[in-house]
Amino acid sequence: MYAAGYGIEPWRATRTGGFRQVRRAALVLGAVVMFSLGLAVAARGGPPPAETTVVVQPGDTLWSIASEHYPADDVRVRVDDIEQANDLAGPVIQVGQRLRLPG
């Protein structure tokens, strides 16, 4: 039986799809993107570490300095980074020389 009377309207199903579902999907997608960016920032950590300076000691090589200061990284890449940061033409360094170590 149907209800009839003043102010009573029959129930109607909303259209399938429609603007509401698109808006809801956009909100969910936006929330997922913001959450992902938050996790990425948290995983990266704080600001990059400051540049460090070392003084070359007798017996030091770029390889030994790179392996000591960057134990988790590829030493070959870090040797190149140190060469570039100090404008070195090759791996030759002198005792007492100051080297900048990039972060």
N, C-alpha and C. Protein backbone atom coordinates (compact mmCIF):
# COMPACT_ATOMS: atom_id res chain seq x y z
N MET A 1 0.82 -1.17 0.00
CA MET A 1 0.00 0.00 0.00
C MET A 1 0.87 1.23 0.00
N TYR A 2 0.38 2.28 -0.57
CA TYR A 2 1.10 3.54 -0.65
C TYR A 2 0.56 4.52 0.36
N ALA A 3 1.48 5.31 0.92
CA ALA A 3 1.04 6.35 1.85
C ALA A 3 0.56 7.55 1.05
N ALA A 4 -0.46 8.13 1.51
CA ALA A 4 -0.99 9.31 0.83
C ALA A 4 -1.33 10.35 1.87
N GLY A 5 -1.19 11.58 1.50
CA GLY A 5 -1.53 12.64 2.43
C GLY A 5 -0.65 13.86 2.20
N TYR A 6 -0.88 14.86 2.99
CA TYR A 6 -0.18 16.12 2.84
C TYR A 6 1.29 15.96 3.24
N GLY A 7 2.24 16.38 2.37
CA GLY A 7 3.67 16.35 2.66
C GLY A 7 4.33 15.00 2.50
N ILE A 8 3.61 14.00 2.14
CA ILE A 8 4.19 12.67 1.95
C ILE A 8 4.45 12.49 0.46
N GLU A 9 5.71 12.24 0.14
CA GLU A 9 6.06 12.03 -1.26
C GLU A 9 6.56 10.61 -1.43
N PRO A 10 6.32 10.04 -2.57
CA PRO A 10 6.80 8.67 -2.80
C PRO A 10 8.33 8.65 -2.86
N TRP A 11 8.88 7.56 -2.39
CA TRP A 11 10.33 7.40 -2.41
C TRP A 11 10.78 7.15 -3.83
N ARG A 12 11.84 7.85 -4.25
CA ARG A 12 12.37 7.67 -5.58
C ARG A 12 13.85 7.31 -5.46
N ALA A 13 14.26 6.36 -6.23
CA ALA A 13 15.67 5.97 -6.26
C ALA A 13 16.46 7.05 -7.00
N THR A 14 17.68 7.34 -6.49
CA THR A 14 18.52 8.30 -7.18
C THR A 14 19.08 7.69 -8.44
N ARG A 15 19.47 8.55 -9.33
CA ARG A 15 20.05 8.04 -10.57
C ARG A 15 21.35 7.32 -10.27
N THR A 16 21.62 6.26 -10.99
CA THR A 16 22.89 5.57 -10.80
C THR A 16 23.98 6.43 -11.39
N GLY A 17 25.14 6.42 -10.76
CA GLY A 17 26.22 7.30 -11.19
C GLY A 17 25.94 8.68 -10.63
N GLY A 18 25.92 9.65 -11.49
CA GLY A 18 25.56 10.99 -11.09
C GLY A 18 26.70 11.76 -10.46
N PHE A 19 26.43 13.01 -10.17
CA PHE A 19 27.44 13.93 -9.66
C PHE A 19 27.89 13.57 -8.25
N ARG A 20 27.00 13.06 -7.43
CA ARG A 20 27.38 12.73 -6.05
C ARG A 20 28.48 11.68 -6.00
N GLN A 21 28.36 10.66 -6.83
CA GLN A 21 29.36 9.61 -6.80
C GLN A 21 30.70 10.09 -7.36
N VAL A 22 30.65 10.95 -8.36
CA VAL A 22 31.89 11.51 -8.90
C VAL A 22 32.57 12.38 -7.84
N ARG A 23 31.78 13.19 -7.15
CA ARG A 23 32.34 14.05 -6.10
C ARG A 23 32.90 13.20 -4.95
N ARG A 24 32.20 12.16 -4.59
CA ARG A 24 32.67 11.29 -3.52
C ARG A 24 33.97 10.59 -3.92
N ALA A 25 34.06 10.12 -5.16
CA ALA A 25 35.28 9.47 -5.64
C ALA A 25 36.45 10.45 -5.67
N ALA A 26 36.18 11.70 -6.05
CA ALA A 26 37.23 12.72 -6.08
C ALA A 26 37.72 13.01 -4.66
N LEU A 27 36.83 13.07 -3.71
CA LEU A 27 37.22 13.31 -2.32
C LEU A 27 38.07 12.16 -1.77
N VAL A 28 37.67 10.94 -2.07
CA VAL A 28 38.43 9.78 -1.61
C VAL A 28 39.81 9.77 -2.25
N LEU A 29 39.87 10.05 -3.56
CA LEU A 29 41.16 10.08 -4.25
C LEU A 29 42.05 11.17 -3.67
N GLY A 30 41.49 12.35 -3.39
CA GLY A 30 42.25 13.43 -2.79
C GLY A 30 42.79 13.06 -1.42
N ALA A 31 41.97 12.38 -0.62
CA ALA A 31 42.41 11.95 0.71
C ALA A 31 43.55 10.94 0.61
N VAL A 32 43.46 10.02 -0.34
CA VAL A 32 44.52 9.02 -0.52
C VAL A 32 45.82 9.69 -0.95
N VAL A 33 45.73 10.67 -1.87
CA VAL A 33 46.93 11.37 -2.32
C VAL A 33 47.57 12.15 -1.16
N MET A 34 46.76 12.84 -0.38
CA MET A 34 47.31 13.61 0.74
C MET A 34 47.95 12.68 1.78
N PHE A 35 47.33 11.55 2.04
CA PHE A 35 47.89 10.58 2.98
C PHE A 35 49.22 10.04 2.47
N SER A 36 49.28 9.74 1.17
CA SER A 36 50.52 9.23 0.57
C SER A 36 51.63 10.26 0.65
N LEU A 37 51.31 11.52 0.37
CA LEU A 37 52.33 12.57 0.46
C LEU A 37 52.82 12.73 1.89
N GLY A 38 51.92 12.62 2.84
CA GLY A 38 52.32 12.70 4.24
C GLY A 38 53.28 11.58 4.62
N LEU A 39 52.99 10.36 4.15
CA LEU A 39 53.89 9.25 4.42
C LEU A 39 55.24 9.44 3.75
N ALA A 40 55.24 9.98 2.54
CA ALA A 40 56.50 10.20 1.83
C ALA A 40 57.36 11.22 2.55
N VAL A 41 56.76 12.28 3.04
CA VAL A 41 57.51 13.30 3.78
C VAL A 41 58.05 12.72 5.08
N ALA A 42 57.24 11.92 5.76
CA ALA A 42 57.69 11.32 7.02
C ALA A 42 58.81 10.32 6.78
N ALA A 43 58.75 9.56 5.69
CA ALA A 43 59.78 8.57 5.41
C ALA A 43 61.10 9.22 5.02
N ARG A 44 61.02 10.37 4.39
CA ARG A 44 62.23 11.06 3.96
C ARG A 44 63.02 11.60 5.15
N GLY A 45 62.34 11.89 6.21
CA GLY A 45 63.02 12.41 7.39
C GLY A 45 63.01 13.92 7.39
N GLY A 46 63.90 14.48 8.13
CA GLY A 46 63.97 15.93 8.26
C GLY A 46 64.75 16.56 7.12
N PRO A 47 65.27 17.72 7.38
CA PRO A 47 66.04 18.41 6.35
C PRO A 47 67.33 17.65 6.04
N PRO A 48 67.89 17.85 4.85
CA PRO A 48 69.11 17.14 4.51
C PRO A 48 70.25 17.54 5.44
N PRO A 49 71.15 16.62 5.74
CA PRO A 49 72.25 16.94 6.63
C PRO A 49 73.17 17.98 6.01
N ALA A 50 73.78 18.77 6.86
CA ALA A 50 74.70 19.81 6.40
C ALA A 50 75.96 19.19 5.83
N GLU A 51 76.63 19.94 5.00
CA GLU A 51 77.88 19.48 4.42
C GLU A 51 78.94 19.36 5.50
N THR A 52 79.71 18.29 5.47
CA THR A 52 80.75 18.04 6.46
C THR A 52 82.12 18.31 5.82
N THR A 53 83.05 18.73 6.62
CA THR A 53 84.42 18.95 6.14
C THR A 53 85.36 18.01 6.89
N VAL A 54 86.27 17.38 6.14
CA VAL A 54 87.28 16.52 6.75
C VAL A 54 88.66 17.00 6.29
N VAL A 55 89.65 16.74 7.13
CA VAL A 55 91.04 17.05 6.78
C VAL A 55 91.72 15.72 6.46
N VAL A 56 92.38 15.68 5.31
CA VAL A 56 93.03 14.45 4.86
C VAL A 56 94.21 14.12 5.76
N GLN A 57 94.23 12.89 6.27
CA GLN A 57 95.29 12.39 7.14
C GLN A 57 96.22 11.49 6.32
N PRO A 58 97.43 11.22 6.83
CA PRO A 58 98.33 10.32 6.11
C PRO A 58 97.67 8.94 5.92
N GLY A 59 97.73 8.44 4.70
CA GLY A 59 97.15 7.13 4.38
C GLY A 59 95.71 7.19 3.90
N ASP A 60 95.08 8.36 3.99
CA ASP A 60 93.70 8.50 3.52
C ASP A 60 93.64 8.50 2.00
N THR A 61 92.61 7.91 1.48
CA THR A 61 92.27 7.98 0.06
C THR A 61 90.82 8.40 -0.04
N LEU A 62 90.40 8.82 -1.23
CA LEU A 62 88.98 9.15 -1.40
C LEU A 62 88.12 7.94 -1.11
N TRP A 63 88.59 6.77 -1.49
CA TRP A 63 87.84 5.54 -1.26
C TRP A 63 87.66 5.29 0.25
N SER A 64 88.73 5.45 1.02
CA SER A 64 88.63 5.19 2.47
C SER A 64 87.75 6.24 3.15
N ILE A 65 87.86 7.49 2.71
CA ILE A 65 87.01 8.53 3.30
C ILE A 65 85.55 8.29 2.98
N ALA A 66 85.26 7.93 1.72
CA ALA A 66 83.87 7.68 1.31
C ALA A 66 83.30 6.47 2.03
N SER A 67 84.09 5.40 2.16
CA SER A 67 83.56 4.20 2.82
C SER A 67 83.37 4.42 4.32
N GLU A 68 84.18 5.30 4.92
CA GLU A 68 84.03 5.58 6.35
C GLU A 68 82.81 6.46 6.64
N HIS A 69 82.59 7.46 5.80
CA HIS A 69 81.52 8.42 6.07
C HIS A 69 80.18 8.03 5.46
N TYR A 70 80.18 7.12 4.50
CA TYR A 70 78.93 6.68 3.85
C TYR A 70 78.89 5.15 3.80
N PRO A 71 78.81 4.47 4.93
CA PRO A 71 78.90 3.01 4.93
C PRO A 71 77.73 2.31 4.23
N ALA A 72 76.58 2.94 4.13
CA ALA A 72 75.43 2.27 3.52
C ALA A 72 75.30 2.55 2.03
N ASP A 73 76.14 3.43 1.49
CA ASP A 73 76.02 3.83 0.09
C ASP A 73 77.05 3.13 -0.78
N ASP A 74 76.85 3.25 -2.09
CA ASP A 74 77.82 2.74 -3.05
C ASP A 74 79.04 3.65 -3.01
N VAL A 75 80.19 3.11 -2.67
CA VAL A 75 81.39 3.90 -2.46
C VAL A 75 81.83 4.59 -3.76
N ARG A 76 81.66 3.91 -4.90
CA ARG A 76 82.07 4.51 -6.18
C ARG A 76 81.31 5.80 -6.45
N VAL A 77 80.02 5.79 -6.16
CA VAL A 77 79.20 6.99 -6.39
C VAL A 77 79.62 8.10 -5.43
N ARG A 78 79.90 7.74 -4.19
CA ARG A 78 80.29 8.75 -3.20
C ARG A 78 81.67 9.33 -3.49
N VAL A 79 82.59 8.53 -4.04
CA VAL A 79 83.90 9.07 -4.44
C VAL A 79 83.69 10.12 -5.54
N ASP A 80 82.82 9.83 -6.50
CA ASP A 80 82.52 10.81 -7.55
C ASP A 80 81.88 12.07 -6.96
N ASP A 81 80.98 11.89 -5.99
CA ASP A 81 80.34 13.04 -5.34
C ASP A 81 81.37 13.93 -4.64
N ILE A 82 82.33 13.31 -3.95
CA ILE A 82 83.37 14.07 -3.25
C ILE A 82 84.25 14.80 -4.26
N GLU A 83 84.60 14.12 -5.36
CA GLU A 83 85.41 14.77 -6.40
C GLU A 83 84.69 15.98 -6.96
N GLN A 84 83.40 15.86 -7.24
CA GLN A 84 82.64 16.97 -7.81
C GLN A 84 82.47 18.10 -6.80
N ALA A 85 82.22 17.77 -5.53
CA ALA A 85 82.02 18.80 -4.52
C ALA A 85 83.27 19.62 -4.27
N ASN A 86 84.46 19.02 -4.55
CA ASN A 86 85.72 19.71 -4.29
C ASN A 86 86.45 20.11 -5.57
N ASP A 87 85.79 19.98 -6.71
CA ASP A 87 86.37 20.33 -8.01
C ASP A 87 87.71 19.63 -8.25
N LEU A 88 87.77 18.34 -7.92
CA LEU A 88 88.98 17.56 -8.14
C LEU A 88 88.95 16.96 -9.55
N ALA A 89 90.11 16.93 -10.20
CA ALA A 89 90.20 16.35 -11.54
C ALA A 89 90.35 14.83 -11.48
N GLY A 90 90.73 14.31 -10.33
CA GLY A 90 90.92 12.88 -10.17
C GLY A 90 90.95 12.53 -8.70
N PRO A 91 91.35 11.29 -8.40
CA PRO A 91 91.32 10.84 -7.01
C PRO A 91 92.55 11.23 -6.18
N VAL A 92 93.41 12.09 -6.69
CA VAL A 92 94.63 12.46 -5.98
C VAL A 92 94.32 13.54 -4.94
N ILE A 93 94.68 13.26 -3.69
CA ILE A 93 94.49 14.22 -2.60
C ILE A 93 95.79 14.33 -1.81
N GLN A 94 95.94 15.43 -1.08
CA GLN A 94 97.16 15.69 -0.32
C GLN A 94 96.85 15.70 1.18
N VAL A 95 97.85 15.29 1.97
CA VAL A 95 97.72 15.32 3.44
C VAL A 95 97.51 16.78 3.86
N GLY A 96 96.54 17.01 4.74
CA GLY A 96 96.22 18.34 5.23
C GLY A 96 95.17 19.07 4.39
N GLN A 97 94.83 18.50 3.26
CA GLN A 97 93.81 19.11 2.39
C GLN A 97 92.42 18.99 3.05
N ARG A 98 91.63 20.05 2.95
CA ARG A 98 90.26 20.02 3.46
C ARG A 98 89.33 19.58 2.35
N LEU A 99 88.51 18.60 2.64
CA LEU A 99 87.53 18.10 1.66
C LEU A 99 86.12 18.31 2.19
N ARG A 100 85.26 18.81 1.33
CA ARG A 100 83.83 18.91 1.67
C ARG A 100 83.16 17.60 1.30
N LEU A 101 82.39 17.08 2.24
CA LEU A 101 81.64 15.84 1.99
C LEU A 101 80.16 16.21 1.83
N PRO A 102 79.60 15.98 0.66
CA PRO A 102 78.19 16.31 0.45
C PRO A 102 77.29 15.45 1.32
N GLY A 103 76.11 16.00 1.68
CA GLY A 103 75.15 15.30 2.53
C GLY A 103 74.43 14.19 1.92
